Amino acid sequence: EMCIRDRVYVAPDHRGDGIGSDLLEHARQRLVDRGAGRLRAMVLAENEPGNEFYRRLGFELRERNETRIGGETYRENVYLDL
């Protein structure tokens, strides 16, 4: 099974404090406990800090898509935790 991690935000004042890494690690452990084998994450292509976050944690870029937010179309990168 696979879990989809759509969008997670950490307030700018708290970035670099390990909150995102801790949250992701907790989610990974809960998923393993429930038998899921993969975690999928989507990040806007222009969000370089967000893309770097997932790459740093071992996610691999698997797809490039478009998504709509508030009536606007954005490019989106899709990562898998393998």
PDB file of N, CA and C in Angstrom:
ATOM      1  N   GLU A   1       0.824  -1.183   0.000  1.00  0.00           N
ATOM      2  CA  GLU A   1       0.000   0.000   0.000  1.00  0.00           C
ATOM      3  C   GLU A   1       0.870   1.249   0.000  1.00  0.00           C
ATOM      4  N   MET A   2       0.262   2.362  -0.397  1.00  0.00           N
ATOM      5  CA  MET A   2       0.980   3.630  -0.453  1.00  0.00           C
ATOM      6  C   MET A   2       0.141   4.709   0.210  1.00  0.00           C
ATOM      7  N   CYS A   3       0.811   5.597   0.923  1.00  0.00           N
ATOM      8  CA  CYS A   3       0.154   6.768   1.507  1.00  0.00           C
ATOM      9  C   CYS A   3       0.576   7.989   0.703  1.00  0.00           C
ATOM     10  N   ILE A   4      -0.369   8.891   0.484  1.00  0.00           N
ATOM     11  CA  ILE A   4      -0.065  10.124  -0.236  1.00  0.00           C
ATOM     12  C   ILE A   4       0.021  11.269   0.756  1.00  0.00           C
ATOM     13  N   ARG A   5       1.170  11.914   0.781  1.00  0.00           N
ATOM     14  CA  ARG A   5       1.392  13.089   1.639  1.00  0.00           C
ATOM     15  C   ARG A   5       1.243  14.283   0.722  1.00  0.00           C
ATOM     16  N   ASP A   6       0.141  14.956   0.809  1.00  0.00           N
ATOM     17  CA  ASP A   6      -0.168  15.996  -0.170  1.00  0.00           C
ATOM     18  C   ASP A   6       0.624  17.267   0.110  1.00  0.00           C
ATOM     19  N   ARG A   7       0.198  18.073   1.048  1.00  0.00           N
ATOM     20  CA  ARG A   7       0.908  19.328   1.318  1.00  0.00           C
ATOM     21  C   ARG A   7       1.048  19.537   2.818  1.00  0.00           C
ATOM     22  N   VAL A   8       2.266  19.831   3.220  1.00  0.00           N
ATOM     23  CA  VAL A   8       2.570  20.126   4.621  1.00  0.00           C
ATOM     24  C   VAL A   8       3.364  21.419   4.640  1.00  0.00           C
ATOM     25  N   TYR A   9       3.019  22.289   5.534  1.00  0.00           N
ATOM     26  CA  TYR A   9       3.726  23.562   5.639  1.00  0.00           C
ATOM     27  C   TYR A   9       4.273  23.726   7.050  1.00  0.00           C
ATOM     28  N   VAL A  10       5.482  24.273   7.135  1.00  0.00           N
ATOM     29  CA  VAL A  10       6.073  24.669   8.414  1.00  0.00           C
ATOM     30  C   VAL A  10       6.232  26.183   8.351  1.00  0.00           C
ATOM     31  N   ALA A  11       5.777  26.855   9.383  1.00  0.00           N
ATOM     32  CA  ALA A  11       5.867  28.319   9.423  1.00  0.00           C
ATOM     33  C   ALA A  11       7.316  28.752   9.231  1.00  0.00           C
ATOM     34  N   PRO A  12       7.547  29.800   8.446  1.00  0.00           N
ATOM     35  CA  PRO A  12       8.916  30.244   8.169  1.00  0.00           C
ATOM     36  C   PRO A  12       9.771  30.445   9.419  1.00  0.00           C
ATOM     37  N   ASP A  13       9.192  30.942  10.487  1.00  0.00           N
ATOM     38  CA  ASP A  13       9.965  31.164  11.716  1.00  0.00           C
ATOM     39  C   ASP A  13      10.453  29.869  12.353  1.00  0.00           C
ATOM     40  N   HIS A  14       9.885  28.735  11.955  1.00  0.00           N
ATOM     41  CA  HIS A  14      10.239  27.456  12.574  1.00  0.00           C
ATOM     42  C   HIS A  14      10.937  26.500  11.613  1.00  0.00           C
ATOM     43  N   ARG A  15      11.215  26.959  10.404  1.00  0.00           N
ATOM     44  CA  ARG A  15      11.937  26.105   9.459  1.00  0.00           C
ATOM     45  C   ARG A  15      13.371  25.943   9.933  1.00  0.00           C
ATOM     46  N   GLY A  16      13.888  24.741   9.762  1.00  0.00           N
ATOM     47  CA  GLY A  16      15.242  24.448  10.217  1.00  0.00           C
ATOM     48  C   GLY A  16      15.296  23.958  11.646  1.00  0.00           C
ATOM     49  N   ASP A  17      14.141  23.890  12.310  1.00  0.00           N
ATOM     50  CA  ASP A  17      14.087  23.415  13.699  1.00  0.00           C
ATOM     51  C   ASP A  17      13.852  21.914  13.793  1.00  0.00           C
ATOM     52  N   GLY A  18      13.712  21.237  12.664  1.00  0.00           N
ATOM     53  CA  GLY A  18      13.494  19.790  12.672  1.00  0.00           C
ATOM     54  C   GLY A  18      12.032  19.377  12.744  1.00  0.00           C
ATOM     55  N   ILE A  19      11.118  20.341  12.710  1.00  0.00           N
ATOM     56  CA  ILE A  19       9.692  20.025  12.819  1.00  0.00           C
ATOM     57  C   ILE A  19       9.233  19.172  11.638  1.00  0.00           C
ATOM     58  N   GLY A  20       9.578  19.568  10.428  1.00  0.00           N
ATOM     59  CA  GLY A  20       9.170  18.813   9.243  1.00  0.00           C
ATOM     60  C   GLY A  20       9.755  17.410   9.237  1.00  0.00           C
ATOM     61  N   SER A  21      11.028  17.285   9.585  1.00  0.00           N
ATOM     62  CA  SER A  21      11.674  15.967   9.635  1.00  0.00           C
ATOM     63  C   SER A  21      11.030  15.084  10.689  1.00  0.00           C
ATOM     64  N   ASP A  22      10.748  15.653  11.857  1.00  0.00           N
ATOM     65  CA  ASP A  22      10.099  14.889  12.927  1.00  0.00           C
ATOM     66  C   ASP A  22       8.706  14.436  12.512  1.00  0.00           C
ATOM     67  N   LEU A  23       7.951  15.334  11.891  1.00  0.00           N
ATOM     68  CA  LEU A  23       6.605  15.001  11.440  1.00  0.00           C
ATOM     69  C   LEU A  23       6.643  13.886  10.403  1.00  0.00           C
ATOM     70  N   LEU A  24       7.556  13.994   9.452  1.00  0.00           N
ATOM     71  CA  LEU A  24       7.662  12.979   8.415  1.00  0.00           C
ATOM     72  C   LEU A  24       8.095  11.638   9.001  1.00  0.00           C
ATOM     73  N   GLU A  25       9.038  11.649   9.912  1.00  0.00           N
ATOM     74  CA  GLU A  25       9.495  10.401  10.530  1.00  0.00           C
ATOM     75  C   GLU A  25       8.367   9.742  11.317  1.00  0.00           C
ATOM     76  N   HIS A  26       7.585  10.541  12.026  1.00  0.00           N
ATOM     77  CA  HIS A  26       6.433  10.002  12.761  1.00  0.00           C
ATOM     78  C   HIS A  26       5.431   9.377  11.784  1.00  0.00           C
ATOM     79  N   ALA A  27       5.152  10.072  10.685  1.00  0.00           N
ATOM     80  CA  ALA A  27       4.225   9.542   9.678  1.00  0.00           C
ATOM     81  C   ALA A  27       4.760   8.247   9.077  1.00  0.00           C
ATOM     82  N   ARG A  28       6.052   8.204   8.766  1.00  0.00           N
ATOM     83  CA  ARG A  28       6.655   6.988   8.209  1.00  0.00           C
ATOM     84  C   ARG A  28       6.459   5.817   9.164  1.00  0.00           C
ATOM     85  N   GLN A  29       6.736   6.039  10.444  1.00  0.00           N
ATOM     86  CA  GLN A  29       6.624   4.959  11.425  1.00  0.00           C
ATOM     87  C   GLN A  29       5.186   4.473  11.551  1.00  0.00           C
ATOM     88  N   ARG A  30       4.242   5.395  11.575  1.00  0.00           N
ATOM     89  CA  ARG A  30       2.825   5.006  11.660  1.00  0.00           C
ATOM     90  C   ARG A  30       2.419   4.200  10.429  1.00  0.00           C
ATOM     91  N   LEU A  31       2.928   4.594   9.266  1.00  0.00           N
ATOM     92  CA  LEU A  31       2.596   3.876   8.037  1.00  0.00           C
ATOM     93  C   LEU A  31       3.178   2.472   8.034  1.00  0.00           C
ATOM     94  N   VAL A  32       4.420   2.342   8.476  1.00  0.00           N
ATOM     95  CA  VAL A  32       5.047   1.024   8.569  1.00  0.00           C
ATOM     96  C   VAL A  32       4.236   0.141   9.511  1.00  0.00           C
ATOM     97  N   ASP A  33       3.823   0.702  10.647  1.00  0.00           N
ATOM     98  CA  ASP A  33       3.021  -0.047  11.618  1.00  0.00           C
ATOM     99  C   ASP A  33       1.707  -0.529  11.015  1.00  0.00           C
ATOM    100  N   ARG A  34       1.209   0.184  10.035  1.00  0.00           N
ATOM    101  CA  ARG A  34      -0.064  -0.169   9.395  1.00  0.00           C
ATOM    102  C   ARG A  34       0.126  -0.942   8.086  1.00  0.00           C
ATOM    103  N   GLY A  35       1.365  -1.259   7.752  1.00  0.00           N
ATOM    104  CA  GLY A  35       1.634  -2.089   6.589  1.00  0.00           C
ATOM    105  C   GLY A  35       1.850  -1.364   5.275  1.00  0.00           C
ATOM    106  N   ALA A  36       1.904  -0.045   5.286  1.00  0.00           N
ATOM    107  CA  ALA A  36       2.165   0.695   4.047  1.00  0.00           C
ATOM    108  C   ALA A  36       3.650   0.614   3.716  1.00  0.00           C
ATOM    109  N   GLY A  37       3.951   0.523   2.442  1.00  0.00           N
ATOM    110  CA  GLY A  37       5.337   0.388   2.040  1.00  0.00           C
ATOM    111  C   GLY A  37       5.965   1.640   1.464  1.00  0.00           C
ATOM    112  N   ARG A  38       5.127   2.595   1.029  1.00  0.00           N
ATOM    113  CA  ARG A  38       5.663   3.791   0.379  1.00  0.00           C
ATOM    114  C   ARG A  38       4.902   5.032   0.811  1.00  0.00           C
ATOM    115  N   LEU A  39       5.617   6.132   0.755  1.00  0.00           N
ATOM    116  CA  LEU A  39       5.029   7.437   1.037  1.00  0.00           C
ATOM    117  C   LEU A  39       5.244   8.305  -0.194  1.00  0.00           C
ATOM    118  N   ARG A  40       4.197   8.930  -0.658  1.00  0.00           N
ATOM    119  CA  ARG A  40       4.262   9.794  -1.839  1.00  0.00           C
ATOM    120  C   ARG A  40       4.068  11.234  -1.385  1.00  0.00           C
ATOM    121  N   ALA A  41       4.908  12.137  -1.898  1.00  0.00           N
ATOM    122  CA  ALA A  41       4.830  13.552  -1.521  1.00  0.00           C
ATOM    123  C   ALA A  41       4.799  14.414  -2.771  1.00  0.00           C
ATOM    124  N   MET A  42       3.956  15.438  -2.756  1.00  0.00           N
ATOM    125  CA  MET A  42       3.867  16.379  -3.859  1.00  0.00           C
ATOM    126  C   MET A  42       4.337  17.748  -3.387  1.00  0.00           C
ATOM    127  N   VAL A  43       5.183  18.398  -4.207  1.00  0.00           N
ATOM    128  CA  VAL A  43       5.758  19.692  -3.857  1.00  0.00           C
ATOM    129  C   VAL A  43       5.712  20.582  -5.096  1.00  0.00           C
ATOM    130  N   LEU A  44       5.330  21.833  -4.932  1.00  0.00           N
ATOM    131  CA  LEU A  44       5.358  22.745  -6.071  1.00  0.00           C
ATOM    132  C   LEU A  44       6.786  22.831  -6.599  1.00  0.00           C
ATOM    133  N   ALA A  45       6.936  22.789  -7.910  1.00  0.00           N
ATOM    134  CA  ALA A  45       8.262  22.783  -8.530  1.00  0.00           C
ATOM    135  C   ALA A  45       9.072  24.015  -8.151  1.00  0.00           C
ATOM    136  N   GLU A  46       8.414  25.148  -7.983  1.00  0.00           N
ATOM    137  CA  GLU A  46       9.125  26.387  -7.652  1.00  0.00           C
ATOM    138  C   GLU A  46       9.549  26.461  -6.187  1.00  0.00           C
ATOM    139  N   ASN A  47       9.097  25.533  -5.364  1.00  0.00           N
ATOM    140  CA  ASN A  47       9.424  25.524  -3.936  1.00  0.00           C
ATOM    141  C   ASN A  47      10.723  24.749  -3.717  1.00  0.00           C
ATOM    142  N   GLU A  48      11.849  25.375  -4.023  1.00  0.00           N
ATOM    143  CA  GLU A  48      13.135  24.680  -3.919  1.00  0.00           C
ATOM    144  C   GLU A  48      13.435  24.195  -2.502  1.00  0.00           C
ATOM    145  N   PRO A  49      13.174  24.974  -1.446  1.00  0.00           N
ATOM    146  CA  PRO A  49      13.411  24.429  -0.097  1.00  0.00           C
ATOM    147  C   PRO A  49      12.581  23.170   0.174  1.00  0.00           C
ATOM    148  N   GLY A  50      11.337  23.140  -0.287  1.00  0.00           N
ATOM    149  CA  GLY A  50      10.495  21.957  -0.100  1.00  0.00           C
ATOM    150  C   GLY A  50      11.011  20.765  -0.884  1.00  0.00           C
ATOM    151  N   ASN A  51      11.455  20.998  -2.119  1.00  0.00           N
ATOM    152  CA  ASN A  51      12.016  19.920  -2.929  1.00  0.00           C
ATOM    153  C   ASN A  51      13.293  19.386  -2.299  1.00  0.00           C
ATOM    154  N   GLU A  52      14.142  20.275  -1.832  1.00  0.00           N
ATOM    155  CA  GLU A  52      15.392  19.862  -1.184  1.00  0.00           C
ATOM    156  C   GLU A  52      15.107  19.057   0.079  1.00  0.00           C
ATOM    157  N   PHE A  53      14.095  19.442   0.835  1.00  0.00           N
ATOM    158  CA  PHE A  53      13.707  18.724   2.056  1.00  0.00           C
ATOM    159  C   PHE A  53      13.457  17.250   1.744  1.00  0.00           C
ATOM    160  N   TYR A  54      12.630  16.973   0.744  1.00  0.00           N
ATOM    161  CA  TYR A  54      12.310  15.578   0.428  1.00  0.00           C
ATOM    162  C   TYR A  54      13.502  14.842  -0.167  1.00  0.00           C
ATOM    163  N   ARG A  55      14.289  15.499  -1.002  1.00  0.00           N
ATOM    164  CA  ARG A  55      15.490  14.844  -1.550  1.00  0.00           C
ATOM    165  C   ARG A  55      16.461  14.490  -0.432  1.00  0.00           C
ATOM    166  N   ARG A  56      16.636  15.414   0.503  1.00  0.00           N
ATOM    167  CA  ARG A  56      17.558  15.186   1.622  1.00  0.00           C
ATOM    168  C   ARG A  56      17.121  13.988   2.470  1.00  0.00           C
ATOM    169  N   LEU A  57      15.828  13.733   2.545  1.00  0.00           N
ATOM    170  CA  LEU A  57      15.304  12.632   3.345  1.00  0.00           C
ATOM    171  C   LEU A  57      15.157  11.337   2.547  1.00  0.00           C
ATOM    172  N   GLY A  58      15.744  11.303   1.351  1.00  0.00           N
ATOM    173  CA  GLY A  58      15.801  10.062   0.589  1.00  0.00           C
ATOM    174  C   GLY A  58      14.682   9.834  -0.407  1.00  0.00           C
ATOM    175  N   PHE A  59      13.838  10.812  -0.615  1.00  0.00           N
ATOM    176  CA  PHE A  59      12.775  10.679  -1.605  1.00  0.00           C
ATOM    177  C   PHE A  59      13.364  10.871  -2.997  1.00  0.00           C
ATOM    178  N   GLU A  60      12.781  10.189  -3.974  1.00  0.00           N
ATOM    179  CA  GLU A  60      13.218  10.311  -5.365  1.00  0.00           C
ATOM    180  C   GLU A  60      12.118  10.946  -6.199  1.00  0.00           C
ATOM    181  N   LEU A  61      12.505  11.870  -7.071  1.00  0.00           N
ATOM    182  CA  LEU A  61      11.563  12.501  -7.991  1.00  0.00           C
ATOM    183  C   LEU A  61      11.083  11.454  -8.990  1.00  0.00           C
ATOM    184  N   ARG A  62       9.759  11.266  -9.074  1.00  0.00           N
ATOM    185  CA  ARG A  62       9.201  10.236  -9.951  1.00  0.00           C
ATOM    186  C   ARG A  62       8.325  10.785 -11.067  1.00  0.00           C
ATOM    187  N   GLU A  63       7.697  11.933 -10.840  1.00  0.00           N
ATOM    188  CA  GLU A  63       6.791  12.500 -11.841  1.00  0.00           C
ATOM    189  C   GLU A  63       6.823  14.015 -11.754  1.00  0.00           C
ATOM    190  N   ARG A  64       6.402  14.632 -12.846  1.00  0.00           N
ATOM    191  CA  ARG A  64       6.143  16.076 -12.857  1.00  0.00           C
ATOM    192  C   ARG A  64       4.726  16.255 -13.379  1.00  0.00           C
ATOM    193  N   ASN A  65       3.911  16.955 -12.626  1.00  0.00           N
ATOM    194  CA  ASN A  65       2.505  17.161 -12.977  1.00  0.00           C
ATOM    195  C   ASN A  65       2.162  18.635 -12.908  1.00  0.00           C
ATOM    196  N   GLU A  66       0.908  18.917 -13.174  1.00  0.00           N
ATOM    197  CA  GLU A  66       0.359  20.248 -12.933  1.00  0.00           C
ATOM    198  C   GLU A  66      -0.754  20.106 -11.911  1.00  0.00           C
ATOM    199  N   THR A  67      -0.927  21.121 -11.075  1.00  0.00           N
ATOM    200  CA  THR A  67      -1.996  21.139 -10.086  1.00  0.00           C
ATOM    201  C   THR A  67      -2.642  22.513 -10.097  1.00  0.00           C
ATOM    202  N   ARG A  68      -3.864  22.580  -9.657  1.00  0.00           N
ATOM    203  CA  ARG A  68      -4.575  23.863  -9.598  1.00  0.00           C
ATOM    204  C   ARG A  68      -4.794  24.233  -8.140  1.00  0.00           C
ATOM    205  N   ILE A  69      -4.435  25.477  -7.831  1.00  0.00           N
ATOM    206  CA  ILE A  69      -4.630  26.030  -6.492  1.00  0.00           C
ATOM    207  C   ILE A  69      -5.247  27.405  -6.674  1.00  0.00           C
ATOM    208  N   GLY A  70      -6.414  27.609  -6.098  1.00  0.00           N
ATOM    209  CA  GLY A  70      -7.069  28.909  -6.200  1.00  0.00           C
ATOM    210  C   GLY A  70      -7.297  29.381  -7.621  1.00  0.00           C
ATOM    211  N   GLY A  71      -7.581  28.450  -8.511  1.00  0.00           N
ATOM    212  CA  GLY A  71      -7.844  28.809  -9.897  1.00  0.00           C
ATOM    213  C   GLY A  71      -6.604  28.988 -10.754  1.00  0.00           C
ATOM    214  N   GLU A  72      -5.425  28.885 -10.171  1.00  0.00           N
ATOM    215  CA  GLU A  72      -4.158  29.015 -10.905  1.00  0.00           C
ATOM    216  C   GLU A  72      -3.540  27.636 -11.107  1.00  0.00           C
ATOM    217  N   THR A  73      -2.818  27.458 -12.207  1.00  0.00           N
ATOM    218  CA  THR A  73      -2.130  26.205 -12.495  1.00  0.00           C
ATOM    219  C   THR A  73      -0.655  26.339 -12.135  1.00  0.00           C
ATOM    220  N   TYR A  74      -0.130  25.328 -11.435  1.00  0.00           N
ATOM    221  CA  TYR A  74       1.269  25.304 -11.002  1.00  0.00           C
ATOM    222  C   TYR A  74       1.894  23.971 -11.392  1.00  0.00           C
ATOM    223  N   ARG A  75       3.205  24.006 -11.636  1.00  0.00           N
ATOM    224  CA  ARG A  75       3.954  22.764 -11.849  1.00  0.00           C
ATOM    225  C   ARG A  75       4.213  22.136 -10.485  1.00  0.00           C
ATOM    226  N   GLU A  76       4.171  20.800 -10.443  1.00  0.00           N
ATOM    227  CA  GLU A  76       4.307  20.078  -9.187  1.00  0.00           C
ATOM    228  C   GLU A  76       5.223  18.873  -9.384  1.00  0.00           C
ATOM    229  N   ASN A  77       6.127  18.655  -8.447  1.00  0.00           N
ATOM    230  CA  ASN A  77       6.993  17.482  -8.455  1.00  0.00           C
ATOM    231  C   ASN A  77       6.404  16.434  -7.521  1.00  0.00           C
ATOM    232  N   VAL A  78       6.465  15.177  -7.956  1.00  0.00           N
ATOM    233  CA  VAL A  78       5.948  14.067  -7.158  1.00  0.00           C
ATOM    234  C   VAL A  78       7.128  13.189  -6.767  1.00  0.00           C
ATOM    235  N   TYR A  79       7.289  12.979  -5.467  1.00  0.00           N
ATOM    236  CA  TYR A  79       8.386  12.187  -4.918  1.00  0.00           C
ATOM    237  C   TYR A  79       7.852  10.908  -4.293  1.00  0.00           C
ATOM    238  N   LEU A  80       8.666   9.842  -4.352  1.00  0.00           N
ATOM    239  CA  LEU A  80       8.363   8.601  -3.655  1.00  0.00           C
ATOM    240  C   LEU A  80       9.482   8.297  -2.684  1.00  0.00           C
ATOM    241  N   ASP A  81       9.090   7.823  -1.521  1.00  0.00           N
ATOM    242  CA  ASP A  81      10.029   7.332  -0.516  1.00  0.00           C
ATOM    243  C   ASP A  81      10.209   5.851  -0.805  1.00  0.00           C
ATOM    244  N   LEU A  82      11.367   5.471  -1.332  1.00  0.00           N
ATOM    245  CA  LEU A  82      11.558   4.082  -1.757  1.00  0.00           C
ATOM    246  C   LEU A  82      12.266   3.241  -0.736  1.00  0.00           C
TER     247      LEU A  82
END
